[in-house]
Amino acid sequence: DWVMWMDADASIIDHSVDLRFVISHIPQDKLLAVSADIWPTHGSGACNTGVMLVRGGDRAKESMALLEEWWQTANTDNKDIARYKQDHPGEQAVLNIELWPKHSNKIHRLPFCWL
């Protein structure tokens, strides 16, 4: 089971892409799937968080723990993160700077435009 997140300003352009095809390319050990970002991003993640897939089912608690850590990290006074929040979407900066280095084994980066 997967839950799909889409930002309010995101839209589906190519209706021929079957989401089941995308999901079939996500390794079983991953909890979160995001698309690679086409724009230069801060941090090593190079992930775009405008559209994401979050694993549910029997691994939902693990996924929620990862999302909770992401949320808590985004709401800290970390000066490294604060400077990126000014010119980059805050949650995306947190994922790329903080979470990707620690949890890249749980996050799958799909090719650009797959999500």
PDB file of N, CA and C in Angstrom:
ATOM      1  N   ASP A   1       0.842  -1.186   0.000  1.00  0.00           N
ATOM      2  CA  ASP A   1       0.000   0.000   0.000  1.00  0.00           C
ATOM      3  C   ASP A   1       0.882   1.242   0.000  1.00  0.00           C
ATOM      4  N   TRP A   2       0.464   2.219  -0.749  1.00  0.00           N
ATOM      5  CA  TRP A   2       1.186   3.485  -0.838  1.00  0.00           C
ATOM      6  C   TRP A   2       0.203   4.636  -0.707  1.00  0.00           C
ATOM      7  N   VAL A   3       0.678   5.736  -0.137  1.00  0.00           N
ATOM      8  CA  VAL A   3      -0.082   6.984  -0.065  1.00  0.00           C
ATOM      9  C   VAL A   3       0.676   7.988  -0.918  1.00  0.00           C
ATOM     10  N   MET A   4      -0.046   8.697  -1.765  1.00  0.00           N
ATOM     11  CA  MET A   4       0.594   9.680  -2.636  1.00  0.00           C
ATOM     12  C   MET A   4       0.323  11.081  -2.117  1.00  0.00           C
ATOM     13  N   TRP A   5       1.386  11.866  -2.008  1.00  0.00           N
ATOM     14  CA  TRP A   5       1.281  13.271  -1.621  1.00  0.00           C
ATOM     15  C   TRP A   5       1.555  14.117  -2.853  1.00  0.00           C
ATOM     16  N   MET A   6       0.712  15.120  -3.086  1.00  0.00           N
ATOM     17  CA  MET A   6       0.952  16.093  -4.153  1.00  0.00           C
ATOM     18  C   MET A   6       0.770  17.486  -3.580  1.00  0.00           C
ATOM     19  N   ASP A   7       1.751  18.362  -3.805  1.00  0.00           N
ATOM     20  CA  ASP A   7       1.594  19.755  -3.412  1.00  0.00           C
ATOM     21  C   ASP A   7       0.389  20.353  -4.125  1.00  0.00           C
ATOM     22  N   ALA A   8      -0.161  21.395  -3.557  1.00  0.00           N
ATOM     23  CA  ALA A   8      -1.335  22.046  -4.142  1.00  0.00           C
ATOM     24  C   ALA A   8      -1.036  22.622  -5.529  1.00  0.00           C
ATOM     25  N   ASP A   9       0.213  22.964  -5.795  1.00  0.00           N
ATOM     26  CA  ASP A   9       0.555  23.538  -7.099  1.00  0.00           C
ATOM     27  C   ASP A   9       1.071  22.495  -8.096  1.00  0.00           C
ATOM     28  N   ALA A  10       1.004  21.223  -7.737  1.00  0.00           N
ATOM     29  CA  ALA A  10       1.425  20.148  -8.646  1.00  0.00           C
ATOM     30  C   ALA A  10       0.239  19.695  -9.489  1.00  0.00           C
ATOM     31  N   SER A  11       0.534  19.215 -10.670  1.00  0.00           N
ATOM     32  CA  SER A  11      -0.539  18.698 -11.524  1.00  0.00           C
ATOM     33  C   SER A  11      -0.027  17.493 -12.314  1.00  0.00           C
ATOM     34  N   ILE A  12      -0.957  16.640 -12.695  1.00  0.00           N
ATOM     35  CA  ILE A  12      -0.625  15.466 -13.497  1.00  0.00           C
ATOM     36  C   ILE A  12      -0.702  15.872 -14.963  1.00  0.00           C
ATOM     37  N   ILE A  13       0.409  15.763 -15.646  1.00  0.00           N
ATOM     38  CA  ILE A  13       0.491  16.180 -17.045  1.00  0.00           C
ATOM     39  C   ILE A  13       0.308  14.994 -17.986  1.00  0.00           C
ATOM     40  N   ASP A  14       0.993  13.899 -17.691  1.00  0.00           N
ATOM     41  CA  ASP A  14       0.965  12.727 -18.563  1.00  0.00           C
ATOM     42  C   ASP A  14       0.080  11.650 -17.937  1.00  0.00           C
ATOM     43  N   HIS A  15      -1.141  11.551 -18.401  1.00  0.00           N
ATOM     44  CA  HIS A  15      -2.104  10.597 -17.848  1.00  0.00           C
ATOM     45  C   HIS A  15      -1.874   9.167 -18.340  1.00  0.00           C
ATOM     46  N   SER A  16      -0.912   8.981 -19.219  1.00  0.00           N
ATOM     47  CA  SER A  16      -0.644   7.630 -19.714  1.00  0.00           C
ATOM     48  C   SER A  16       0.263   6.834 -18.771  1.00  0.00           C
ATOM     49  N   VAL A  17       0.914   7.512 -17.835  1.00  0.00           N
ATOM     50  CA  VAL A  17       1.802   6.821 -16.896  1.00  0.00           C
ATOM     51  C   VAL A  17       0.959   6.129 -15.832  1.00  0.00           C
ATOM     52  N   ASP A  18       1.145   4.833 -15.717  1.00  0.00           N
ATOM     53  CA  ASP A  18       0.418   4.037 -14.729  1.00  0.00           C
ATOM     54  C   ASP A  18       1.215   4.060 -13.427  1.00  0.00           C
ATOM     55  N   LEU A  19       0.595   4.532 -12.366  1.00  0.00           N
ATOM     56  CA  LEU A  19       1.272   4.623 -11.080  1.00  0.00           C
ATOM     57  C   LEU A  19       1.782   3.261 -10.607  1.00  0.00           C
ATOM     58  N   ARG A  20       1.106   2.202 -10.999  1.00  0.00           N
ATOM     59  CA  ARG A  20       1.574   0.854 -10.638  1.00  0.00           C
ATOM     60  C   ARG A  20       2.942   0.559 -11.258  1.00  0.00           C
ATOM     61  N   PHE A  21       3.191   1.097 -12.441  1.00  0.00           N
ATOM     62  CA  PHE A  21       4.505   0.946 -13.075  1.00  0.00           C
ATOM     63  C   PHE A  21       5.577   1.634 -12.234  1.00  0.00           C
ATOM     64  N   VAL A  22       5.289   2.856 -11.804  1.00  0.00           N
ATOM     65  CA  VAL A  22       6.236   3.610 -10.974  1.00  0.00           C
ATOM     66  C   VAL A  22       6.512   2.844  -9.682  1.00  0.00           C
ATOM     67  N   ILE A  23       5.459   2.396  -9.011  1.00  0.00           N
ATOM     68  CA  ILE A  23       5.597   1.678  -7.740  1.00  0.00           C
ATOM     69  C   ILE A  23       6.408   0.393  -7.918  1.00  0.00           C
ATOM     70  N   SER A  24       6.268  -0.254  -9.057  1.00  0.00           N
ATOM     71  CA  SER A  24       7.009  -1.504  -9.287  1.00  0.00           C
ATOM     72  C   SER A  24       8.521  -1.283  -9.339  1.00  0.00           C
ATOM     73  N   HIS A  25       8.960  -0.040  -9.503  1.00  0.00           N
ATOM     74  CA  HIS A  25      10.386   0.275  -9.560  1.00  0.00           C
ATOM     75  C   HIS A  25      10.938   0.760  -8.219  1.00  0.00           C
ATOM     76  N   ILE A  26      10.121   0.717  -7.184  1.00  0.00           N
ATOM     77  CA  ILE A  26      10.574   1.121  -5.850  1.00  0.00           C
ATOM     78  C   ILE A  26      10.985  -0.140  -5.092  1.00  0.00           C
ATOM     79  N   PRO A  27      12.228  -0.208  -4.649  1.00  0.00           N
ATOM     80  CA  PRO A  27      12.667  -1.392  -3.898  1.00  0.00           C
ATOM     81  C   PRO A  27      11.819  -1.623  -2.645  1.00  0.00           C
ATOM     82  N   GLN A  28      11.667  -2.879  -2.275  1.00  0.00           N
ATOM     83  CA  GLN A  28      10.820  -3.261  -1.145  1.00  0.00           C
ATOM     84  C   GLN A  28      11.272  -2.658   0.179  1.00  0.00           C
ATOM     85  N   ASP A  29      12.550  -2.353   0.324  1.00  0.00           N
ATOM     86  CA  ASP A  29      13.043  -1.844   1.603  1.00  0.00           C
ATOM     87  C   ASP A  29      12.878  -0.332   1.764  1.00  0.00           C
ATOM     88  N   LYS A  30      12.358   0.356   0.771  1.00  0.00           N
ATOM     89  CA  LYS A  30      12.211   1.813   0.831  1.00  0.00           C
ATOM     90  C   LYS A  30      10.863   2.210   1.428  1.00  0.00           C
ATOM     91  N   LEU A  31      10.878   3.306   2.187  1.00  0.00           N
ATOM     92  CA  LEU A  31       9.665   3.813   2.831  1.00  0.00           C
ATOM     93  C   LEU A  31       9.095   5.032   2.123  1.00  0.00           C
ATOM     94  N   LEU A  32       9.936   5.747   1.402  1.00  0.00           N
ATOM     95  CA  LEU A  32       9.538   6.997   0.771  1.00  0.00           C
ATOM     96  C   LEU A  32      10.120   7.031  -0.632  1.00  0.00           C
ATOM     97  N   ALA A  33       9.322   7.463  -1.593  1.00  0.00           N
ATOM     98  CA  ALA A  33       9.801   7.625  -2.968  1.00  0.00           C
ATOM     99  C   ALA A  33       9.546   9.057  -3.398  1.00  0.00           C
ATOM    100  N   VAL A  34      10.579   9.684  -3.936  1.00  0.00           N
ATOM    101  CA  VAL A  34      10.503  11.056  -4.426  1.00  0.00           C
ATOM    102  C   VAL A  34      11.144  11.090  -5.805  1.00  0.00           C
ATOM    103  N   SER A  35      10.952  12.178  -6.491  1.00  0.00           N
ATOM    104  CA  SER A  35      11.546  12.343  -7.808  1.00  0.00           C
ATOM    105  C   SER A  35      12.855  13.114  -7.688  1.00  0.00           C
ATOM    106  N   ALA A  36      13.783  12.817  -8.564  1.00  0.00           N
ATOM    107  CA  ALA A  36      14.999  13.626  -8.634  1.00  0.00           C
ATOM    108  C   ALA A  36      14.603  15.043  -9.043  1.00  0.00           C
ATOM    109  N   ASP A  37      15.316  16.024  -8.527  1.00  0.00           N
ATOM    110  CA  ASP A  37      15.008  17.422  -8.827  1.00  0.00           C
ATOM    111  C   ASP A  37      15.830  17.881 -10.018  1.00  0.00           C
ATOM    112  N   ILE A  38      15.194  18.581 -10.933  1.00  0.00           N
ATOM    113  CA  ILE A  38      15.900  19.086 -12.109  1.00  0.00           C
ATOM    114  C   ILE A  38      16.718  20.333 -11.771  1.00  0.00           C
ATOM    115  N   TRP A  39      16.288  21.083 -10.752  1.00  0.00           N
ATOM    116  CA  TRP A  39      16.975  22.305 -10.353  1.00  0.00           C
ATOM    117  C   TRP A  39      18.069  21.963  -9.360  1.00  0.00           C
ATOM    118  N   PRO A  40      19.142  22.755  -9.325  1.00  0.00           N
ATOM    119  CA  PRO A  40      20.178  22.518  -8.313  1.00  0.00           C
ATOM    120  C   PRO A  40      19.568  22.652  -6.915  1.00  0.00           C
ATOM    121  N   THR A  41      19.839  21.702  -6.071  1.00  0.00           N
ATOM    122  CA  THR A  41      19.297  21.730  -4.716  1.00  0.00           C
ATOM    123  C   THR A  41      20.431  21.783  -3.711  1.00  0.00           C
ATOM    124  N   HIS A  42      20.118  22.251  -2.526  1.00  0.00           N
ATOM    125  CA  HIS A  42      21.083  22.267  -1.436  1.00  0.00           C
ATOM    126  C   HIS A  42      21.139  20.875  -0.831  1.00  0.00           C
ATOM    127  N   GLY A  43      22.313  20.453  -0.439  1.00  0.00           N
ATOM    128  CA  GLY A  43      22.451  19.141   0.178  1.00  0.00           C
ATOM    129  C   GLY A  43      22.687  18.062  -0.866  1.00  0.00           C
ATOM    130  N   SER A  44      22.870  16.856  -0.391  1.00  0.00           N
ATOM    131  CA  SER A  44      23.243  15.755  -1.277  1.00  0.00           C
ATOM    132  C   SER A  44      22.052  14.977  -1.825  1.00  0.00           C
ATOM    133  N   GLY A  45      20.847  15.280  -1.352  1.00  0.00           N
ATOM    134  CA  GLY A  45      19.689  14.495  -1.760  1.00  0.00           C
ATOM    135  C   GLY A  45      19.236  14.712  -3.185  1.00  0.00           C
ATOM    136  N   ALA A  46      19.251  15.960  -3.658  1.00  0.00           N
ATOM    137  CA  ALA A  46      18.769  16.315  -4.992  1.00  0.00           C
ATOM    138  C   ALA A  46      17.375  15.756  -5.250  1.00  0.00           C
ATOM    139  N   CYS A  47      16.518  15.828  -4.224  1.00  0.00           N
ATOM    140  CA  CYS A  47      15.158  15.294  -4.311  1.00  0.00           C
ATOM    141  C   CYS A  47      14.140  16.422  -4.380  1.00  0.00           C
ATOM    142  N   ASN A  48      13.083  16.202  -5.131  1.00  0.00           N
ATOM    143  CA  ASN A  48      11.958  17.125  -5.189  1.00  0.00           C
ATOM    144  C   ASN A  48      10.828  16.530  -4.351  1.00  0.00           C
ATOM    145  N   THR A  49      10.286  17.319  -3.442  1.00  0.00           N
ATOM    146  CA  THR A  49       9.255  16.812  -2.532  1.00  0.00           C
ATOM    147  C   THR A  49       7.850  17.257  -2.918  1.00  0.00           C
ATOM    148  N   GLY A  50       7.668  17.772  -4.119  1.00  0.00           N
ATOM    149  CA  GLY A  50       6.345  18.213  -4.555  1.00  0.00           C
ATOM    150  C   GLY A  50       5.355  17.078  -4.733  1.00  0.00           C
ATOM    151  N   VAL A  51       5.855  15.904  -5.094  1.00  0.00           N
ATOM    152  CA  VAL A  51       5.036  14.696  -5.221  1.00  0.00           C
ATOM    153  C   VAL A  51       5.844  13.562  -4.601  1.00  0.00           C
ATOM    154  N   MET A  52       5.218  12.838  -3.686  1.00  0.00           N
ATOM    155  CA  MET A  52       5.915  11.754  -2.989  1.00  0.00           C
ATOM    156  C   MET A  52       4.992  10.561  -2.831  1.00  0.00           C
ATOM    157  N   LEU A  53       5.595   9.406  -2.694  1.00  0.00           N
ATOM    158  CA  LEU A  53       4.871   8.190  -2.335  1.00  0.00           C
ATOM    159  C   LEU A  53       5.400   7.726  -0.987  1.00  0.00           C
ATOM    160  N   VAL A  54       4.484   7.472  -0.054  1.00  0.00           N
ATOM    161  CA  VAL A  54       4.842   7.027   1.292  1.00  0.00           C
ATOM    162  C   VAL A  54       4.281   5.629   1.477  1.00  0.00           C
ATOM    163  N   ARG A  55       5.149   4.711   1.905  1.00  0.00           N
ATOM    164  CA  ARG A  55       4.719   3.323   2.089  1.00  0.00           C
ATOM    165  C   ARG A  55       3.769   3.223   3.274  1.00  0.00           C
ATOM    166  N   GLY A  56       2.679   2.492   3.053  1.00  0.00           N
ATOM    167  CA  GLY A  56       1.699   2.237   4.104  1.00  0.00           C
ATOM    168  C   GLY A  56       1.714   0.773   4.477  1.00  0.00           C
ATOM    169  N   GLY A  57       0.541   0.234   4.744  1.00  0.00           N
ATOM    170  CA  GLY A  57       0.428  -1.184   5.074  1.00  0.00           C
ATOM    171  C   GLY A  57       1.128  -1.525   6.371  1.00  0.00           C
ATOM    172  N   ASP A  58       1.767  -2.684   6.403  1.00  0.00           N
ATOM    173  CA  ASP A  58       2.404  -3.144   7.635  1.00  0.00           C
ATOM    174  C   ASP A  58       3.682  -2.380   7.968  1.00  0.00           C
ATOM    175  N   ARG A  59       4.133  -1.498   7.078  1.00  0.00           N
ATOM    176  CA  ARG A  59       5.328  -0.680   7.334  1.00  0.00           C
ATOM    177  C   ARG A  59       4.978   0.776   7.574  1.00  0.00           C
ATOM    178  N   ALA A  60       3.690   1.059   7.750  1.00  0.00           N
ATOM    179  CA  ALA A  60       3.235   2.438   7.930  1.00  0.00           C
ATOM    180  C   ALA A  60       3.870   3.103   9.151  1.00  0.00           C
ATOM    181  N   LYS A  61       4.046   2.356  10.233  1.00  0.00           N
ATOM    182  CA  LYS A  61       4.649   2.952  11.435  1.00  0.00           C
ATOM    183  C   LYS A  61       6.078   3.414  11.165  1.00  0.00           C
ATOM    184  N   GLU A  62       6.821   2.633  10.402  1.00  0.00           N
ATOM    185  CA  GLU A  62       8.184   3.032  10.036  1.00  0.00           C
ATOM    186  C   GLU A  62       8.154   4.296   9.182  1.00  0.00           C
ATOM    187  N   SER A  63       7.233   4.333   8.231  1.00  0.00           N
ATOM    188  CA  SER A  63       7.100   5.504   7.366  1.00  0.00           C
ATOM    189  C   SER A  63       6.733   6.731   8.181  1.00  0.00           C
ATOM    190  N   MET A  64       5.806   6.560   9.104  1.00  0.00           N
ATOM    191  CA  MET A  64       5.376   7.690   9.936  1.00  0.00           C
ATOM    192  C   MET A  64       6.518   8.183  10.822  1.00  0.00           C
ATOM    193  N   ALA A  65       7.359   7.279  11.308  1.00  0.00           N
ATOM    194  CA  ALA A  65       8.511   7.685  12.120  1.00  0.00           C
ATOM    195  C   ALA A  65       9.475   8.534  11.288  1.00  0.00           C
ATOM    196  N   LEU A  66       9.688   8.152  10.034  1.00  0.00           N
ATOM    197  CA  LEU A  66      10.549   8.930   9.147  1.00  0.00           C
ATOM    198  C   LEU A  66       9.940  10.304   8.878  1.00  0.00           C
ATOM    199  N   LEU A  67       8.642  10.344   8.600  1.00  0.00           N
ATOM    200  CA  LEU A  67       7.969  11.623   8.364  1.00  0.00           C
ATOM    201  C   LEU A  67       7.989  12.495   9.612  1.00  0.00           C
ATOM    202  N   GLU A  68       7.821  11.894  10.777  1.00  0.00           N
ATOM    203  CA  GLU A  68       7.869  12.645  12.041  1.00  0.00           C
ATOM    204  C   GLU A  68       9.256  13.249  12.261  1.00  0.00           C
ATOM    205  N   GLU A  69      10.294  12.474  11.998  1.00  0.00           N
ATOM    206  CA  GLU A  69      11.658  13.010  12.127  1.00  0.00           C
ATOM    207  C   GLU A  69      11.861  14.176  11.166  1.00  0.00           C
ATOM    208  N   TRP A  70      11.368  14.029   9.956  1.00  0.00           N
ATOM    209  CA  TRP A  70      11.463  15.090   8.953  1.00  0.00           C
ATOM    210  C   TRP A  70      10.759  16.344   9.467  1.00  0.00           C
ATOM    211  N   TRP A  71       9.553  16.187   9.977  1.00  0.00           N
ATOM    212  CA  TRP A  71       8.768  17.320  10.489  1.00  0.00           C
ATOM    213  C   TRP A  71       9.488  17.992  11.653  1.00  0.00           C
ATOM    214  N   GLN A  72       9.974  17.201  12.595  1.00  0.00           N
ATOM    215  CA  GLN A  72      10.658  17.761  13.765  1.00  0.00           C
ATOM    216  C   GLN A  72      11.941  18.487  13.359  1.00  0.00           C
ATOM    217  N   THR A  73      12.679  17.925  12.417  1.00  0.00           N
ATOM    218  CA  THR A  73      13.911  18.560  11.954  1.00  0.00           C
ATOM    219  C   THR A  73      13.609  19.878  11.257  1.00  0.00           C
ATOM    220  N   ALA A  74      12.530  19.918  10.506  1.00  0.00           N
ATOM    221  CA  ALA A  74      12.149  21.147   9.800  1.00  0.00           C
ATOM    222  C   ALA A  74      11.750  22.253  10.763  1.00  0.00           C
ATOM    223  N   ASN A  75      11.352  21.900  11.961  1.00  0.00           N
ATOM    224  CA  ASN A  75      10.893  22.886  12.932  1.00  0.00           C
ATOM    225  C   ASN A  75      11.930  23.176  14.007  1.00  0.00           C
ATOM    226  N   THR A  76      13.201  22.951  13.717  1.00  0.00           N
ATOM    227  CA  THR A  76      14.263  23.281  14.661  1.00  0.00           C
ATOM    228  C   THR A  76      14.858  24.628  14.283  1.00  0.00           C
ATOM    229  N   ASP A  77      15.710  25.129  15.140  1.00  0.00           N
ATOM    230  CA  ASP A  77      16.393  26.398  14.877  1.00  0.00           C
ATOM    231  C   ASP A  77      17.784  26.178  14.292  1.00  0.00           C
ATOM    232  N   ASN A  78      17.992  25.059  13.641  1.00  0.00           N
ATOM    233  CA  ASN A  78      19.272  24.737  13.028  1.00  0.00           C
ATOM    234  C   ASN A  78      19.634  25.820  12.013  1.00  0.00           C
ATOM    235  N   LYS A  79      20.739  26.514  12.251  1.00  0.00           N
ATOM    236  CA  LYS A  79      21.121  27.642  11.395  1.00  0.00           C
ATOM    237  C   LYS A  79      21.448  27.213   9.963  1.00  0.00           C
ATOM    238  N   ASP A  80      22.002  26.018   9.789  1.00  0.00           N
ATOM    239  CA  ASP A  80      22.301  25.540   8.438  1.00  0.00           C
ATOM    240  C   ASP A  80      21.027  25.382   7.620  1.00  0.00           C
ATOM    241  N   ILE A  81      19.987  24.882   8.262  1.00  0.00           N
ATOM    242  CA  ILE A  81      18.715  24.692   7.568  1.00  0.00           C
ATOM    243  C   ILE A  81      17.997  26.018   7.381  1.00  0.00           C
ATOM    244  N   ALA A  82      18.043  26.883   8.389  1.00  0.00           N
ATOM    245  CA  ALA A  82      17.330  28.161   8.330  1.00  0.00           C
ATOM    246  C   ALA A  82      17.745  28.985   7.116  1.00  0.00           C
ATOM    247  N   ARG A  83      19.030  28.986   6.786  1.00  0.00           N
ATOM    248  CA  ARG A  83      19.459  29.803   5.642  1.00  0.00           C
ATOM    249  C   ARG A  83      18.939  29.253   4.317  1.00  0.00           C
ATOM    250  N   TYR A  84      18.729  27.938   4.225  1.00  0.00           N
ATOM    251  CA  TYR A  84      18.202  27.365   2.990  1.00  0.00           C
ATOM    252  C   TYR A  84      16.699  27.558   2.876  1.00  0.00           C
ATOM    253  N   LYS A  85      16.021  27.670   4.003  1.00  0.00           N
ATOM    254  CA  LYS A  85      14.573  27.859   3.976  1.00  0.00           C
ATOM    255  C   LYS A  85      14.196  29.196   3.349  1.00  0.00           C
ATOM    256  N   GLN A  86      15.127  30.134   3.334  1.00  0.00           N
ATOM    257  CA  GLN A  86      14.831  31.457   2.796  1.00  0.00           C
ATOM    258  C   GLN A  86      14.711  31.458   1.275  1.00  0.00           C
ATOM    259  N   ASP A  87      15.444  30.579   0.601  1.00  0.00           N
ATOM    260  CA  ASP A  87      15.408  30.617  -0.864  1.00  0.00           C
ATOM    261  C   ASP A  87      15.081  29.262  -1.489  1.00  0.00           C
ATOM    262  N   HIS A  88      14.622  28.347  -0.685  1.00  0.00           N
ATOM    263  CA  HIS A  88      14.315  27.006  -1.181  1.00  0.00           C
ATOM    264  C   HIS A  88      13.156  26.470  -0.358  1.00  0.00           C
ATOM    265  N   PRO A  89      12.275  25.681  -0.918  1.00  0.00           N
ATOM    266  CA  PRO A  89      11.199  25.128  -0.077  1.00  0.00           C
ATOM    267  C   PRO A  89      11.790  24.453   1.164  1.00  0.00           C
ATOM    268  N   GLY A  90      11.327  24.864   2.317  1.00  0.00           N
ATOM    269  CA  GLY A  90      11.899  24.415   3.580  1.00  0.00           C
ATOM    270  C   GLY A  90      11.938  22.921   3.763  1.00  0.00           C
ATOM    271  N   GLU A  91      10.810  22.249   3.506  1.00  0.00           N
ATOM    272  CA  GLU A  91      10.776  20.798   3.729  1.00  0.00           C
ATOM    273  C   GLU A  91      11.705  20.069   2.765  1.00  0.00           C
ATOM    274  N   GLN A  92      11.857  20.621   1.568  1.00  0.00           N
ATOM    275  CA  GLN A  92      12.752  20.008   0.590  1.00  0.00           C
ATOM    276  C   GLN A  92      14.206  20.179   1.027  1.00  0.00           C
ATOM    277  N   ALA A  93      14.539  21.358   1.548  1.00  0.00           N
ATOM    278  CA  ALA A  93      15.895  21.593   2.049  1.00  0.00           C
ATOM    279  C   ALA A  93      16.223  20.634   3.183  1.00  0.00           C
ATOM    280  N   VAL A  94      15.274  20.432   4.094  1.00  0.00           N
ATOM    281  CA  VAL A  94      15.497  19.526   5.222  1.00  0.00           C
ATOM    282  C   VAL A  94      15.732  18.102   4.728  1.00  0.00           C
ATOM    283  N   LEU A  95      14.936  17.652   3.774  1.00  0.00           N
ATOM    284  CA  LEU A  95      15.123  16.295   3.245  1.00  0.00           C
ATOM    285  C   LEU A  95      16.506  16.152   2.619  1.00  0.00           C
ATOM    286  N   ASN A  96      16.885  17.101   1.782  1.00  0.00           N
ATOM    287  CA  ASN A  96      18.140  17.003   1.048  1.00  0.00           C
ATOM    288  C   ASN A  96      19.377  17.200   1.920  1.00  0.00           C
ATOM    289  N   ILE A  97      19.278  18.044   2.941  1.00  0.00           N
ATOM    290  CA  ILE A  97      20.435  18.356   3.780  1.00  0.00           C
ATOM    291  C   ILE A  97      20.562  17.400   4.959  1.00  0.00           C
ATOM    292  N   GLU A  98      19.466  17.114   5.615  1.00  0.00           N
ATOM    293  CA  GLU A  98      19.511  16.340   6.856  1.00  0.00           C
ATOM    294  C   GLU A  98      19.104  14.872   6.687  1.00  0.00           C
ATOM    295  N   LEU A  99      17.951  14.628   6.072  1.00  0.00           N
ATOM    296  CA  LEU A  99      17.432  13.262   6.034  1.00  0.00           C
ATOM    297  C   LEU A  99      18.131  12.377   5.012  1.00  0.00           C
ATOM    298  N   TRP A 100      18.419  12.896   3.831  1.00  0.00           N
ATOM    299  CA  TRP A 100      19.041  12.066   2.803  1.00  0.00           C
ATOM    300  C   TRP A 100      20.357  11.448   3.294  1.00  0.00           C
ATOM    301  N   PRO A 101      21.275  12.224   3.883  1.00  0.00           N
ATOM    302  CA  PRO A 101      22.521  11.597   4.341  1.00  0.00           C
ATOM    303  C   PRO A 101      22.298  10.506   5.397  1.00  0.00           C
ATOM    304  N   LYS A 102      21.303  10.678   6.254  1.00  0.00           N
ATOM    305  CA  LYS A 102      21.044   9.705   7.322  1.00  0.00           C
ATOM    306  C   LYS A 102      20.167   8.544   6.886  1.00  0.00           C
ATOM    307  N   HIS A 103      19.245   8.785   5.959  1.00  0.00           N
ATOM    308  CA  HIS A 103      18.222   7.787   5.639  1.00  0.00           C
ATOM    309  C   HIS A 103      18.116   7.459   4.149  1.00  0.00           C
ATOM    310  N   SER A 104      19.181   7.637   3.393  1.00  0.00           N
ATOM    311  CA  SER A 104      19.094   7.319   1.957  1.00  0.00           C
ATOM    312  C   SER A 104      18.792   5.838   1.736  1.00  0.00           C
ATOM    313  N   ASN A 105      19.027   5.022   2.751  1.00  0.00           N
ATOM    314  CA  ASN A 105      18.685   3.603   2.644  1.00  0.00           C
ATOM    315  C   ASN A 105      17.179   3.368   2.749  1.00  0.00           C
ATOM    316  N   LYS A 106      16.412   4.392   3.152  1.00  0.00           N
ATOM    317  CA  LYS A 106      14.957   4.277   3.283  1.00  0.00           C
ATOM    318  C   LYS A 106      14.202   5.092   2.230  1.00  0.00           C
ATOM    319  N   ILE A 107      14.945   5.931   1.497  1.00  0.00           N
ATOM    320  CA  ILE A 107      14.330   6.845   0.529  1.00  0.00           C
ATOM    321  C   ILE A 107      14.787   6.456  -0.873  1.00  0.00           C
ATOM    322  N   HIS A 108      13.835   6.336  -1.777  1.00  0.00           N
ATOM    323  CA  HIS A 108      14.168   5.998  -3.167  1.00  0.00           C
ATOM    324  C   HIS A 108      13.967   7.233  -4.032  1.00  0.00           C
ATOM    325  N   ARG A 109      15.004   7.586  -4.779  1.00  0.00           N
ATOM    326  CA  ARG A 109      14.920   8.735  -5.684  1.00  0.00           C
ATOM    327  C   ARG A 109      14.660   8.204  -7.089  1.00  0.00           C
ATOM    328  N   LEU A 110      13.464   8.468  -7.568  1.00  0.00           N
ATOM    329  CA  LEU A 110      13.066   8.052  -8.914  1.00  0.00           C
ATOM    330  C   LEU A 110      13.630   9.028  -9.943  1.00  0.00           C
ATOM    331  N   PRO A 111      13.715   8.631 -11.196  1.00  0.00           N
ATOM    332  CA  PRO A 111      14.160   9.563 -12.231  1.00  0.00           C
ATOM    333  C   PRO A 111      13.252  10.791 -12.294  1.00  0.00           C
ATOM    334  N   PHE A 112      13.818  11.899 -12.745  1.00  0.00           N
ATOM    335  CA  PHE A 112      13.061  13.143 -12.883  1.00  0.00           C
ATOM    336  C   PHE A 112      11.804  12.903 -13.714  1.00  0.00           C
ATOM    337  N   CYS A 113      10.724  13.467 -13.289  1.00  0.00           N
ATOM    338  CA  CYS A 113       9.409  13.422 -13.955  1.00  0.00           C
ATOM    339  C   CYS A 113       8.683  12.088 -13.833  1.00  0.00           C
ATOM    340  N   TRP A 114       9.152  11.163 -13.011  1.00  0.00           N
ATOM    341  CA  TRP A 114       8.382   9.938 -12.793  1.00  0.00           C
ATOM    342  C   TRP A 114       7.261  10.202 -11.818  1.00  0.00           C
ATOM    343  N   LEU A 115       7.416  11.190 -10.973  1.00  0.00           N
ATOM    344  CA  LEU A 115       6.357  11.582 -10.039  1.00  0.00           C
ATOM    345  C   LEU A 115       6.029  13.031 -10.273  1.00  0.00           C
TER     346      LEU A 115
END
